[in-house]
Amino acid sequence: MIELKSMAVAMPEVVGHPNRAAFEGVLTMVDVPSQRAPSGAKGHLVVLTRGAAEAALPSLLGMALDYSPSLDRHDVRRKVGVITRAEIVGRKLELGGYLFARDFPEIVEEIAKSRPGNDRKPIDSFRTRFLQAGVIHAAVSPSESENWREGYRLRASLRGAAKRILSLTTAMKRTPGRRLTQAEEFHPTIRAEACMAVGPAGLGLSYEVTAVEIADTRARVWTLSKVTFTGAAILRRDKAAYRDTWIELST
């Protein structure tokens, strides 16, 4: 059975509008760990819970879709479209809306060329493996997998040291007699764009969320229990924290 949660803003139809090109796509996955650590997550993978995503759907409507010329990050000063529809189908958060086609013809052309129908097909060379207590990562060859494991161990060591320093600093700043709650300590802004470019070609999507509540900041994979969507971005899928996102023009 497929669970569906949907919300949309009714837009008046204008036949042949020169500055309105419809798009649709998958923004992210719910209840699924990201394949790579998103920006703002301090090296952690993240899981957006279904409950958090459903509660935040209203905040996604009317938000802008942006892009950078290099298609590798968010750029809030280049807003190329608007989101008018969002729904959760199974484990996918799907959305739709309009691009400003006359104002940004280059991004419309780039989306048209990316042929997302082909890009969305599974790629045999990218198989998921459960490593280090079930955390999912992509691997392409034994040698690259070994390099990744070595890099993972190094990053884990650095993260551990950074967490220790952060905890000591926080403890020094606390007022005696009062212990701050975890929610009071940390409310990051997270963008589902990855620092490293590894993965299939084509265009994908990345969300931006703020007012984030994390179940346990000490966990290896952060569980996002509450978020507010503040925008989304078009970017290369090899820069997306979620590999299965996509965008295409719709009729």
Protein backbone atom coordinates (compact mmCIF):
# COMPACT_ATOMS: atom_id res chain seq x y z
CA MET A 1 0.00 0.00 0.00
CA ILE A 2 1.28 3.46 -0.93
CA GLU A 3 0.72 6.22 1.63
CA LEU A 4 -0.04 9.63 0.18
CA LYS A 5 0.03 13.07 1.78
CA SER A 6 -0.57 15.95 -0.64
CA MET A 7 -0.87 19.73 -0.61
CA ALA A 8 -1.05 22.28 -3.43
CA VAL A 9 -1.75 25.92 -4.22
CA ALA A 10 -4.28 26.38 -7.04
CA MET A 11 -2.73 28.51 -9.78
CA PRO A 12 -4.89 29.99 -12.55
CA GLU A 13 -4.12 28.40 -15.90
CA VAL A 14 -2.67 30.79 -18.49
CA VAL A 15 -2.23 29.11 -21.85
CA GLY A 16 1.11 29.93 -23.49
CA HIS A 17 2.44 32.04 -20.61
CA PRO A 18 5.95 33.06 -21.80
CA ASN A 19 7.51 33.09 -18.33
CA ARG A 20 5.99 29.95 -16.87
CA ALA A 21 7.41 26.48 -17.54
CA ALA A 22 6.01 23.66 -15.41
CA PHE A 23 8.39 21.30 -13.63
CA GLU A 24 8.11 18.27 -11.37
CA GLY A 25 10.55 16.14 -9.46
CA VAL A 26 11.57 14.37 -6.27
CA LEU A 27 12.98 16.67 -3.62
CA THR A 28 14.08 14.07 -1.07
CA MET A 29 13.31 10.75 0.59
CA VAL A 30 11.59 10.32 3.95
CA ASP A 31 12.59 7.78 6.59
CA VAL A 32 15.71 7.01 4.51
CA PRO A 33 19.29 8.05 5.43
CA SER A 34 20.97 10.45 3.02
CA GLN A 35 23.77 8.91 0.96
CA ARG A 36 26.08 11.80 1.84
CA ALA A 37 26.27 14.33 4.64
CA PRO A 38 24.38 17.52 3.73
CA SER A 39 25.68 21.02 4.27
CA GLY A 40 25.12 22.16 7.84
CA ALA A 41 24.97 18.66 9.32
CA LYS A 42 28.57 18.69 10.60
CA GLY A 43 29.51 15.55 8.67
CA HIS A 44 26.47 13.52 9.77
CA LEU A 45 24.11 11.69 7.48
CA VAL A 46 20.48 12.72 8.09
CA VAL A 47 17.05 11.10 8.09
CA LEU A 48 13.99 13.28 7.48
CA THR A 49 11.14 11.53 9.25
CA ARG A 50 7.77 11.14 7.57
CA GLY A 51 6.09 12.95 10.45
CA ALA A 52 8.43 15.93 10.14
CA ALA A 53 8.00 16.06 6.37
CA GLU A 54 4.21 15.87 6.54
CA ALA A 55 4.03 18.61 9.17
CA ALA A 56 6.36 20.82 7.10
CA LEU A 57 4.56 20.48 3.74
CA PRO A 58 2.73 23.82 4.16
CA SER A 59 6.08 25.59 4.62
CA LEU A 60 7.30 24.24 1.26
CA LEU A 61 4.48 25.74 -0.81
CA GLY A 62 5.33 29.13 -2.27
CA MET A 63 9.04 28.72 -1.57
CA ALA A 64 11.55 29.54 -4.29
CA LEU A 65 13.61 27.16 -6.39
CA ASP A 66 17.14 28.48 -6.91
CA TYR A 67 20.38 27.38 -8.57
CA SER A 68 24.03 28.35 -8.96
CA PRO A 69 25.68 28.61 -12.42
CA SER A 70 27.96 25.71 -11.47
CA LEU A 71 24.94 23.64 -10.39
CA ASP A 72 26.70 22.48 -7.24
CA ARG A 73 25.02 24.41 -4.41
CA HIS A 74 22.19 26.67 -3.30
CA ASP A 75 22.26 30.32 -4.32
CA VAL A 76 19.37 32.21 -2.75
CA ARG A 77 20.01 35.24 -4.97
CA ARG A 78 19.17 33.26 -8.12
CA LYS A 79 15.53 32.28 -7.67
CA VAL A 80 14.42 30.64 -10.89
CA GLY A 81 11.04 29.22 -9.95
CA VAL A 82 8.34 28.67 -7.36
CA ILE A 83 6.97 25.52 -5.71
CA THR A 84 3.18 25.15 -5.87
CA ARG A 85 2.66 21.45 -5.11
CA ALA A 86 4.15 18.98 -2.65
CA GLU A 87 3.17 15.44 -1.79
CA ILE A 88 4.62 12.42 -0.07
CA VAL A 89 4.19 9.27 -2.12
CA GLY A 90 5.59 6.21 -0.42
CA ARG A 91 9.04 7.34 0.68
CA LYS A 92 9.39 10.12 -1.90
CA LEU A 93 8.65 13.79 -1.31
CA GLU A 94 7.53 14.88 -4.78
CA LEU A 95 6.95 18.46 -5.81
CA GLY A 96 5.94 20.59 -8.75
CA GLY A 97 5.73 24.20 -9.75
CA TYR A 98 6.88 26.71 -12.33
CA LEU A 99 10.21 27.96 -13.64
CA PHE A 100 10.62 31.52 -14.84
CA ALA A 101 11.34 30.39 -18.39
CA ARG A 102 11.86 33.75 -20.07
CA ASP A 103 13.99 35.14 -17.25
CA PHE A 104 16.20 32.04 -16.96
CA PRO A 105 16.16 30.21 -20.31
CA GLU A 106 19.54 28.59 -19.59
CA ILE A 107 18.25 26.53 -16.65
CA VAL A 108 15.16 25.45 -18.59
CA GLU A 109 17.42 24.30 -21.42
CA GLU A 110 19.71 22.50 -18.95
CA ILE A 111 16.78 20.60 -17.44
CA ALA A 112 15.49 19.69 -20.90
CA LYS A 113 18.93 18.30 -21.85
CA SER A 114 19.46 16.28 -18.68
CA ARG A 115 16.96 13.56 -19.74
CA PRO A 116 16.04 12.61 -16.17
CA GLY A 117 13.99 9.64 -17.33
CA ASN A 118 17.24 7.85 -18.20
CA ASP A 119 19.15 9.22 -15.23
CA ARG A 120 16.61 7.84 -12.78
CA LYS A 121 17.27 4.24 -13.84
CA PRO A 122 19.36 2.25 -11.34
CA ILE A 123 23.08 2.22 -12.14
CA ASP A 124 24.59 -1.23 -11.62
CA SER A 125 28.03 0.09 -10.71
CA PHE A 126 26.58 2.00 -7.76
CA ARG A 127 25.47 -0.63 -5.25
CA THR A 128 24.54 0.18 -1.67
CA ARG A 129 26.39 -1.49 1.16
CA PHE A 130 25.74 -1.48 4.87
CA LEU A 131 28.94 -0.42 6.60
CA GLN A 132 29.68 0.61 10.13
CA ALA A 133 26.45 -0.34 11.92
CA GLY A 134 24.16 -0.18 8.92
CA VAL A 135 24.96 3.27 7.55
CA ILE A 136 24.37 3.30 3.77
CA HIS A 137 27.04 4.55 1.37
CA ALA A 138 27.68 4.18 -2.36
CA ALA A 139 30.64 2.16 -3.64
CA VAL A 140 32.00 1.70 -7.16
CA SER A 141 34.98 -0.63 -6.82
CA PRO A 142 36.91 -2.52 -4.11
CA SER A 143 39.82 -0.06 -4.27
CA GLU A 144 37.58 2.97 -4.04
CA SER A 145 35.63 1.29 -1.26
CA GLU A 146 38.85 0.76 0.71
CA ASN A 147 39.83 4.39 0.15
CA TRP A 148 36.41 5.46 1.34
CA ARG A 149 36.67 3.32 4.50
CA GLU A 150 40.04 4.85 5.32
CA GLY A 151 38.63 8.33 4.75
CA TYR A 152 35.59 7.44 6.85
CA ARG A 153 37.77 6.37 9.78
CA LEU A 154 39.73 9.61 9.56
CA ARG A 155 36.58 11.73 9.40
CA ALA A 156 35.08 9.79 12.30
CA SER A 157 38.17 10.53 14.40
CA LEU A 158 38.04 14.20 13.51
CA ARG A 159 34.31 14.34 14.24
CA GLY A 160 34.87 12.72 17.61
CA ALA A 161 37.54 15.28 18.53
CA ALA A 162 35.35 18.15 17.32
CA LYS A 163 32.37 16.90 19.34
CA ARG A 164 34.53 16.64 22.45
CA ILE A 165 35.79 20.21 22.02
CA LEU A 166 32.24 21.45 21.38
CA SER A 167 30.86 19.70 24.46
CA LEU A 168 33.62 21.15 26.66
CA THR A 169 33.02 24.64 25.25
CA THR A 170 29.27 24.34 25.80
CA ALA A 171 29.76 23.14 29.36
CA MET A 172 31.97 26.16 30.14
CA LYS A 173 29.32 28.55 28.83
CA ARG A 174 26.41 27.07 30.81
CA THR A 175 25.00 28.96 33.76
CA PRO A 176 25.57 27.04 37.03
CA GLY A 177 22.46 25.29 38.29
CA ARG A 178 20.69 25.18 34.90
CA ARG A 179 21.20 22.56 32.22
CA LEU A 180 20.19 23.60 28.72
CA THR A 181 18.05 21.22 26.75
CA GLN A 182 19.38 19.81 23.51
CA ALA A 183 16.72 21.77 21.59
CA GLU A 184 17.93 25.03 23.15
CA GLU A 185 21.53 24.34 22.24
CA PHE A 186 21.38 23.67 18.53
CA HIS A 187 19.03 24.60 15.68
CA PRO A 188 21.00 24.24 12.44
CA THR A 189 20.07 25.21 8.91
CA ILE A 190 20.61 22.19 6.68
CA ARG A 191 20.92 22.10 2.90
CA ALA A 192 20.80 18.71 1.17
CA GLU A 193 23.89 19.53 -0.92
CA ALA A 194 26.99 17.40 -0.46
CA CYS A 195 30.56 18.66 -0.15
CA MET A 196 31.97 15.83 -2.26
CA ALA A 197 30.87 15.16 -5.85
CA VAL A 198 30.51 11.39 -6.23
CA GLY A 199 27.62 9.74 -8.03
CA PRO A 200 25.56 9.54 -11.21
CA ALA A 201 25.22 12.40 -13.68
CA GLY A 202 22.08 14.40 -14.37
CA LEU A 203 20.18 17.01 -12.38
CA GLY A 204 18.66 16.57 -8.96
CA LEU A 205 17.19 18.65 -6.16
CA SER A 206 18.24 19.80 -2.71
CA TYR A 207 16.09 21.13 0.11
CA GLU A 208 16.88 23.86 2.61
CA VAL A 209 15.39 23.52 6.09
CA THR A 210 15.71 25.60 9.22
CA ALA A 211 14.29 25.50 12.77
CA VAL A 212 15.55 21.91 12.76
CA GLU A 213 15.02 19.67 15.78
CA ILE A 214 17.33 16.66 16.04
CA ALA A 215 16.41 13.65 18.14
CA ASP A 216 20.02 13.07 19.24
CA THR A 217 22.92 15.22 18.05
CA ARG A 218 25.36 12.56 19.29
CA ALA A 219 23.98 9.93 16.93
CA ARG A 220 25.95 8.94 13.83
CA VAL A 221 22.86 9.58 11.69
CA TRP A 222 20.85 12.65 12.68
CA THR A 223 17.09 12.11 12.81
CA LEU A 224 15.30 15.33 11.85
CA SER A 225 12.13 15.28 13.93
CA LYS A 226 10.97 18.80 13.05
CA VAL A 227 11.87 21.14 10.17
CA THR A 228 10.65 24.19 8.29
CA PHE A 229 11.31 24.26 4.55
CA THR A 230 12.75 27.58 3.38
CA GLY A 231 13.56 26.69 -0.23
CA ALA A 232 15.00 24.21 -2.68
CA ALA A 233 17.71 24.20 -5.32
CA ILE A 234 18.47 22.57 -8.66
CA LEU A 235 21.92 20.97 -8.69
CA ARG A 236 23.89 18.13 -10.19
CA ARG A 237 22.91 14.77 -8.74
CA ASP A 238 26.55 14.07 -7.87
CA LYS A 239 26.31 17.04 -5.48
CA ALA A 240 23.01 15.98 -3.92
CA ALA A 241 22.97 14.42 -0.46
CA TYR A 242 20.18 12.18 -1.76
CA ARG A 243 21.16 10.38 -4.95
CA ASP A 244 17.59 9.55 -6.04
CA THR A 245 16.34 13.11 -6.48
CA TRP A 246 15.46 14.42 -9.95
CA ILE A 247 13.76 17.24 -11.84
CA GLU A 248 12.16 17.41 -15.28
CA LEU A 249 9.93 19.68 -17.32
CA SER A 250 6.28 18.68 -17.27
CA THR A 251 3.47 19.34 -19.73
